[in-house]
Amino acid sequence: MSPPKNPPVADIDEDPNVEVRPYSSPPCYAAELDPGYFGLPRMDLAGLRVLERRLGEAREALGRALTELARR
């Protein structure tokens, strides 16, 4: 008994079921990230300031936690 053969593959130009989609790779650098690229709403300056403040608070909390841990 011979092994099963793969079905023939149709050429994409001849296949009526082919759906052509444009491809674009994501940006390579964080500075190039745009929330709109991922389907997220774009953020205004006030929103960015809130995020910057929260990031600063998180860094301070992490610094305090690490300092406390080093004292033990």
PDB file of N, CA and C in Angstrom:
ATOM      1  N   MET A   1       0.840  -1.181   0.000  1.00  0.00           N
ATOM      2  CA  MET A   1       0.000   0.000   0.000  1.00  0.00           C
ATOM      3  C   MET A   1       0.888   1.248   0.000  1.00  0.00           C
ATOM      4  N   SER A   2       0.613   2.161  -0.881  1.00  0.00           N
ATOM      5  CA  SER A   2       1.427   3.368  -0.980  1.00  0.00           C
ATOM      6  C   SER A   2       0.945   4.422   0.019  1.00  0.00           C
ATOM      7  N   PRO A   3       1.874   5.287   0.493  1.00  0.00           N
ATOM      8  CA  PRO A   3       1.479   6.329   1.454  1.00  0.00           C
ATOM      9  C   PRO A   3       0.525   7.323   0.795  1.00  0.00           C
ATOM     10  N   PRO A   4      -0.350   7.933   1.602  1.00  0.00           N
ATOM     11  CA  PRO A   4      -1.290   8.910   1.024  1.00  0.00           C
ATOM     12  C   PRO A   4      -0.534  10.119   0.470  1.00  0.00           C
ATOM     13  N   LYS A   5      -1.031  10.648  -0.601  1.00  0.00           N
ATOM     14  CA  LYS A   5      -0.404  11.816  -1.228  1.00  0.00           C
ATOM     15  C   LYS A   5      -1.160  13.074  -0.824  1.00  0.00           C
ATOM     16  N   ASN A   6      -0.417  14.141  -0.752  1.00  0.00           N
ATOM     17  CA  ASN A   6      -1.038  15.430  -0.456  1.00  0.00           C
ATOM     18  C   ASN A   6      -1.881  15.873  -1.644  1.00  0.00           C
ATOM     19  N   PRO A   7      -2.993  16.537  -1.380  1.00  0.00           N
ATOM     20  CA  PRO A   7      -3.798  17.020  -2.503  1.00  0.00           C
ATOM     21  C   PRO A   7      -3.038  18.109  -3.253  1.00  0.00           C
ATOM     22  N   PRO A   8      -3.315  18.268  -4.517  1.00  0.00           N
ATOM     23  CA  PRO A   8      -2.618  19.321  -5.263  1.00  0.00           C
ATOM     24  C   PRO A   8      -2.976  20.704  -4.708  1.00  0.00           C
ATOM     25  N   VAL A   9      -2.001  21.578  -4.725  1.00  0.00           N
ATOM     26  CA  VAL A   9      -2.201  22.933  -4.225  1.00  0.00           C
ATOM     27  C   VAL A   9      -2.525  23.843  -5.405  1.00  0.00           C
ATOM     28  N   ALA A  10      -3.609  24.581  -5.279  1.00  0.00           N
ATOM     29  CA  ALA A  10      -4.026  25.480  -6.355  1.00  0.00           C
ATOM     30  C   ALA A  10      -3.154  26.724  -6.364  1.00  0.00           C
ATOM     31  N   ASP A  11      -2.914  27.239  -7.533  1.00  0.00           N
ATOM     32  CA  ASP A  11      -2.186  28.479  -7.688  1.00  0.00           C
ATOM     33  C   ASP A  11      -3.055  29.615  -7.137  1.00  0.00           C
ATOM     34  N   ILE A  12      -2.466  30.560  -6.429  1.00  0.00           N
ATOM     35  CA  ILE A  12      -3.282  31.621  -5.814  1.00  0.00           C
ATOM     36  C   ILE A  12      -3.993  32.486  -6.846  1.00  0.00           C
ATOM     37  N   ASP A  13      -3.438  32.558  -8.050  1.00  0.00           N
ATOM     38  CA  ASP A  13      -4.094  33.336  -9.091  1.00  0.00           C
ATOM     39  C   ASP A  13      -5.338  32.639  -9.635  1.00  0.00           C
ATOM     40  N   GLU A  14      -5.418  31.340  -9.433  1.00  0.00           N
ATOM     41  CA  GLU A  14      -6.540  30.570  -9.966  1.00  0.00           C
ATOM     42  C   GLU A  14      -7.551  30.169  -8.898  1.00  0.00           C
ATOM     43  N   ASP A  15      -7.180  30.309  -7.636  1.00  0.00           N
ATOM     44  CA  ASP A  15      -8.055  29.867  -6.550  1.00  0.00           C
ATOM     45  C   ASP A  15      -9.097  30.942  -6.236  1.00  0.00           C
ATOM     46  N   PRO A  16     -10.390  30.655  -6.415  1.00  0.00           N
ATOM     47  CA  PRO A  16     -11.416  31.667  -6.146  1.00  0.00           C
ATOM     48  C   PRO A  16     -11.625  31.937  -4.653  1.00  0.00           C
ATOM     49  N   ASN A  17     -11.093  31.087  -3.797  1.00  0.00           N
ATOM     50  CA  ASN A  17     -11.279  31.255  -2.348  1.00  0.00           C
ATOM     51  C   ASN A  17     -10.168  32.050  -1.680  1.00  0.00           C
ATOM     52  N   VAL A  18      -9.179  32.465  -2.447  1.00  0.00           N
ATOM     53  CA  VAL A  18      -8.052  33.194  -1.871  1.00  0.00           C
ATOM     54  C   VAL A  18      -8.501  34.591  -1.469  1.00  0.00           C
ATOM     55  N   GLU A  19      -8.134  34.969  -0.254  1.00  0.00           N
ATOM     56  CA  GLU A  19      -8.408  36.328   0.219  1.00  0.00           C
ATOM     57  C   GLU A  19      -7.059  37.021   0.405  1.00  0.00           C
ATOM     58  N   VAL A  20      -6.794  37.998  -0.399  1.00  0.00           N
ATOM     59  CA  VAL A  20      -5.525  38.711  -0.337  1.00  0.00           C
ATOM     60  C   VAL A  20      -5.639  39.804   0.710  1.00  0.00           C
ATOM     61  N   ARG A  21      -4.707  39.779   1.649  1.00  0.00           N
ATOM     62  CA  ARG A  21      -4.680  40.793   2.704  1.00  0.00           C
ATOM     63  C   ARG A  21      -3.330  41.490   2.676  1.00  0.00           C
ATOM     64  N   PRO A  22      -3.337  42.803   2.816  1.00  0.00           N
ATOM     65  CA  PRO A  22      -2.043  43.502   2.881  1.00  0.00           C
ATOM     66  C   PRO A  22      -1.334  43.147   4.177  1.00  0.00           C
ATOM     67  N   TYR A  23      -0.044  43.007   4.130  1.00  0.00           N
ATOM     68  CA  TYR A  23       0.745  42.661   5.300  1.00  0.00           C
ATOM     69  C   TYR A  23       1.674  43.813   5.629  1.00  0.00           C
ATOM     70  N   SER A  24       1.711  44.156   6.882  1.00  0.00           N
ATOM     71  CA  SER A  24       2.701  45.133   7.325  1.00  0.00           C
ATOM     72  C   SER A  24       3.220  44.676   8.674  1.00  0.00           C
ATOM     73  N   SER A  25       4.500  44.758   8.849  1.00  0.00           N
ATOM     74  CA  SER A  25       5.093  44.319  10.105  1.00  0.00           C
ATOM     75  C   SER A  25       4.936  45.429  11.139  1.00  0.00           C
ATOM     76  N   PRO A  26       4.926  45.075  12.413  1.00  0.00           N
ATOM     77  CA  PRO A  26       4.810  46.097  13.457  1.00  0.00           C
ATOM     78  C   PRO A  26       6.073  46.949  13.517  1.00  0.00           C
ATOM     79  N   PRO A  27       5.983  48.126  14.087  1.00  0.00           N
ATOM     80  CA  PRO A  27       7.165  48.978  14.188  1.00  0.00           C
ATOM     81  C   PRO A  27       8.243  48.322  15.058  1.00  0.00           C
ATOM     82  N   CYS A  28       9.486  48.652  14.784  1.00  0.00           N
ATOM     83  CA  CYS A  28      10.596  48.002  15.475  1.00  0.00           C
ATOM     84  C   CYS A  28      11.003  48.717  16.763  1.00  0.00           C
ATOM     85  N   TYR A  29      10.705  49.975  16.888  1.00  0.00           N
ATOM     86  CA  TYR A  29      11.163  50.735  18.047  1.00  0.00           C
ATOM     87  C   TYR A  29       9.976  51.281  18.820  1.00  0.00           C
ATOM     88  N   ALA A  30      10.122  51.339  20.131  1.00  0.00           N
ATOM     89  CA  ALA A  30       9.035  51.809  20.983  1.00  0.00           C
ATOM     90  C   ALA A  30       8.621  53.233  20.625  1.00  0.00           C
ATOM     91  N   ALA A  31       9.566  54.047  20.183  1.00  0.00           N
ATOM     92  CA  ALA A  31       9.253  55.431  19.823  1.00  0.00           C
ATOM     93  C   ALA A  31       8.302  55.495  18.634  1.00  0.00           C
ATOM     94  N   GLU A  32       8.259  54.441  17.848  1.00  0.00           N
ATOM     95  CA  GLU A  32       7.399  54.433  16.671  1.00  0.00           C
ATOM     96  C   GLU A  32       6.007  53.890  16.959  1.00  0.00           C
ATOM     97  N   LEU A  33       5.796  53.382  18.150  1.00  0.00           N
ATOM     98  CA  LEU A  33       4.501  52.773  18.460  1.00  0.00           C
ATOM     99  C   LEU A  33       3.392  53.812  18.441  1.00  0.00           C
ATOM    100  N   ASP A  34       2.335  53.469  17.816  1.00  0.00           N
ATOM    101  CA  ASP A  34       1.152  54.321  17.741  1.00  0.00           C
ATOM    102  C   ASP A  34      -0.026  53.462  18.198  1.00  0.00           C
ATOM    103  N   PRO A  35      -0.734  53.876  19.254  1.00  0.00           N
ATOM    104  CA  PRO A  35      -1.850  53.053  19.731  1.00  0.00           C
ATOM    105  C   PRO A  35      -2.862  52.744  18.630  1.00  0.00           C
ATOM    106  N   GLY A  36      -3.018  53.654  17.678  1.00  0.00           N
ATOM    107  CA  GLY A  36      -3.942  53.431  16.579  1.00  0.00           C
ATOM    108  C   GLY A  36      -3.549  52.239  15.717  1.00  0.00           C
ATOM    109  N   TYR A  37      -2.249  51.922  15.679  1.00  0.00           N
ATOM    110  CA  TYR A  37      -1.780  50.770  14.910  1.00  0.00           C
ATOM    111  C   TYR A  37      -2.391  49.479  15.441  1.00  0.00           C
ATOM    112  N   PHE A  38      -2.582  49.429  16.768  1.00  0.00           N
ATOM    113  CA  PHE A  38      -3.135  48.247  17.410  1.00  0.00           C
ATOM    114  C   PHE A  38      -4.640  48.344  17.596  1.00  0.00           C
ATOM    115  N   GLY A  39      -5.258  49.371  17.029  1.00  0.00           N
ATOM    116  CA  GLY A  39      -6.703  49.518  17.143  1.00  0.00           C
ATOM    117  C   GLY A  39      -7.132  50.170  18.442  1.00  0.00           C
ATOM    118  N   LEU A  40      -6.192  50.738  19.174  1.00  0.00           N
ATOM    119  CA  LEU A  40      -6.513  51.417  20.428  1.00  0.00           C
ATOM    120  C   LEU A  40      -6.761  52.895  20.153  1.00  0.00           C
ATOM    121  N   PRO A  41      -7.531  53.548  21.019  1.00  0.00           N
ATOM    122  CA  PRO A  41      -7.748  54.982  20.799  1.00  0.00           C
ATOM    123  C   PRO A  41      -6.443  55.754  20.989  1.00  0.00           C
ATOM    124  N   ARG A  42      -6.296  56.780  20.207  1.00  0.00           N
ATOM    125  CA  ARG A  42      -5.095  57.612  20.343  1.00  0.00           C
ATOM    126  C   ARG A  42      -5.216  58.450  21.609  1.00  0.00           C
ATOM    127  N   MET A  43      -4.091  58.684  22.257  1.00  0.00           N
ATOM    128  CA  MET A  43      -4.104  59.363  23.534  1.00  0.00           C
ATOM    129  C   MET A  43      -3.714  60.834  23.352  1.00  0.00           C
ATOM    130  N   ASP A  44      -4.397  61.698  24.056  1.00  0.00           N
ATOM    131  CA  ASP A  44      -4.053  63.108  23.992  1.00  0.00           C
ATOM    132  C   ASP A  44      -2.959  63.415  25.016  1.00  0.00           C
ATOM    133  N   LEU A  45      -2.496  64.651  25.039  1.00  0.00           N
ATOM    134  CA  LEU A  45      -1.397  65.048  25.910  1.00  0.00           C
ATOM    135  C   LEU A  45      -1.748  64.867  27.380  1.00  0.00           C
ATOM    136  N   ALA A  46      -2.978  65.167  27.769  1.00  0.00           N
ATOM    137  CA  ALA A  46      -3.376  65.009  29.174  1.00  0.00           C
ATOM    138  C   ALA A  46      -3.281  63.540  29.592  1.00  0.00           C
ATOM    139  N   GLY A  47      -3.703  62.644  28.728  1.00  0.00           N
ATOM    140  CA  GLY A  47      -3.611  61.215  29.037  1.00  0.00           C
ATOM    141  C   GLY A  47      -2.176  60.759  29.178  1.00  0.00           C
ATOM    142  N   LEU A  48      -1.302  61.292  28.336  1.00  0.00           N
ATOM    143  CA  LEU A  48       0.116  60.943  28.431  1.00  0.00           C
ATOM    144  C   LEU A  48       0.722  61.451  29.732  1.00  0.00           C
ATOM    145  N   ARG A  49       0.305  62.619  30.163  1.00  0.00           N
ATOM    146  CA  ARG A  49       0.815  63.153  31.435  1.00  0.00           C
ATOM    147  C   ARG A  49       0.381  62.291  32.609  1.00  0.00           C
ATOM    148  N   VAL A  50      -0.852  61.806  32.574  1.00  0.00           N
ATOM    149  CA  VAL A  50      -1.333  60.915  33.635  1.00  0.00           C
ATOM    150  C   VAL A  50      -0.500  59.637  33.663  1.00  0.00           C
ATOM    151  N   LEU A  51      -0.245  59.054  32.496  1.00  0.00           N
ATOM    152  CA  LEU A  51       0.569  57.849  32.439  1.00  0.00           C
ATOM    153  C   LEU A  51       1.992  58.100  32.931  1.00  0.00           C
ATOM    154  N   GLU A  52       2.545  59.251  32.571  1.00  0.00           N
ATOM    155  CA  GLU A  52       3.897  59.595  33.009  1.00  0.00           C
ATOM    156  C   GLU A  52       3.940  59.733  34.532  1.00  0.00           C
ATOM    157  N   ARG A  53       2.922  60.358  35.110  1.00  0.00           N
ATOM    158  CA  ARG A  53       2.862  60.519  36.570  1.00  0.00           C
ATOM    159  C   ARG A  53       2.760  59.148  37.252  1.00  0.00           C
ATOM    160  N   ARG A  54       1.903  58.287  36.718  1.00  0.00           N
ATOM    161  CA  ARG A  54       1.742  56.952  37.313  1.00  0.00           C
ATOM    162  C   ARG A  54       3.017  56.128  37.198  1.00  0.00           C
ATOM    163  N   LEU A  55       3.716  56.265  36.093  1.00  0.00           N
ATOM    164  CA  LEU A  55       4.973  55.563  35.929  1.00  0.00           C
ATOM    165  C   LEU A  55       5.990  56.052  36.960  1.00  0.00           C
ATOM    166  N   GLY A  56       6.039  57.359  37.175  1.00  0.00           N
ATOM    167  CA  GLY A  56       6.938  57.915  38.185  1.00  0.00           C
ATOM    168  C   GLY A  56       6.602  57.406  39.577  1.00  0.00           C
ATOM    169  N   GLU A  57       5.308  57.334  39.888  1.00  0.00           N
ATOM    170  CA  GLU A  57       4.894  56.817  41.194  1.00  0.00           C
ATOM    171  C   GLU A  57       5.286  55.345  41.346  1.00  0.00           C
ATOM    172  N   ALA A  58       5.134  54.582  40.282  1.00  0.00           N
ATOM    173  CA  ALA A  58       5.502  53.167  40.332  1.00  0.00           C
ATOM    174  C   ALA A  58       7.003  53.003  40.525  1.00  0.00           C
ATOM    175  N   ARG A  59       7.790  53.836  39.872  1.00  0.00           N
ATOM    176  CA  ARG A  59       9.249  53.769  40.036  1.00  0.00           C
ATOM    177  C   ARG A  59       9.644  54.097  41.466  1.00  0.00           C
ATOM    178  N   GLU A  60       9.013  55.120  42.039  1.00  0.00           N
ATOM    179  CA  GLU A  60       9.316  55.487  43.428  1.00  0.00           C
ATOM    180  C   GLU A  60       8.945  54.357  44.383  1.00  0.00           C
ATOM    181  N   ALA A  61       7.785  53.754  44.178  1.00  0.00           N
ATOM    182  CA  ALA A  61       7.359  52.653  45.037  1.00  0.00           C
ATOM    183  C   ALA A  61       8.312  51.471  44.919  1.00  0.00           C
ATOM    184  N   LEU A  62       8.756  51.177  43.718  1.00  0.00           N
ATOM    185  CA  LEU A  62       9.707  50.088  43.517  1.00  0.00           C
ATOM    186  C   LEU A  62      11.028  50.402  44.210  1.00  0.00           C
ATOM    187  N   GLY A  63      11.483  51.634  44.103  1.00  0.00           N
ATOM    188  CA  GLY A  63      12.714  52.042  44.770  1.00  0.00           C
ATOM    189  C   GLY A  63      12.610  51.900  46.278  1.00  0.00           C
ATOM    190  N   ARG A  64      11.473  52.311  46.844  1.00  0.00           N
ATOM    191  CA  ARG A  64      11.280  52.159  48.297  1.00  0.00           C
ATOM    192  C   ARG A  64      11.268  50.693  48.698  1.00  0.00           C
ATOM    193  N   ALA A  65      10.593  49.873  47.906  1.00  0.00           N
ATOM    194  CA  ALA A  65      10.517  48.439  48.213  1.00  0.00           C
ATOM    195  C   ALA A  65      11.898  47.792  48.152  1.00  0.00           C
ATOM    196  N   LEU A  66      12.688  48.153  47.148  1.00  0.00           N
ATOM    197  CA  LEU A  66      14.023  47.582  47.030  1.00  0.00           C
ATOM    198  C   LEU A  66      14.935  48.045  48.168  1.00  0.00           C
ATOM    199  N   THR A  67      14.798  49.308  48.552  1.00  0.00           N
ATOM    200  CA  THR A  67      15.575  49.830  49.674  1.00  0.00           C
ATOM    201  C   THR A  67      15.212  49.092  50.955  1.00  0.00           C
ATOM    202  N   GLU A  68      13.941  48.896  51.193  1.00  0.00           N
ATOM    203  CA  GLU A  68      13.472  48.174  52.381  1.00  0.00           C
ATOM    204  C   GLU A  68      13.975  46.728  52.362  1.00  0.00           C
ATOM    205  N   LEU A  69      13.957  46.127  51.223  1.00  0.00           N
ATOM    206  CA  LEU A  69      14.419  44.742  51.102  1.00  0.00           C
ATOM    207  C   LEU A  69      15.914  44.644  51.368  1.00  0.00           C
ATOM    208  N   ALA A  70      16.693  45.631  50.920  1.00  0.00           N
ATOM    209  CA  ALA A  70      18.135  45.624  51.128  1.00  0.00           C
ATOM    210  C   ALA A  70      18.482  45.802  52.600  1.00  0.00           C
ATOM    211  N   ARG A  71      17.629  46.453  53.385  1.00  0.00           N
ATOM    212  CA  ARG A  71      17.886  46.673  54.814  1.00  0.00           C
ATOM    213  C   ARG A  71      17.720  45.384  55.619  1.00  0.00           C
ATOM    214  N   ARG A  72      16.980  44.446  55.109  1.00  0.00           N
ATOM    215  CA  ARG A  72      16.703  43.215  55.867  1.00  0.00           C
ATOM    216  C   ARG A  72      17.874  42.287  55.909  1.00  0.00           C
TER     217      ARG A  72
END
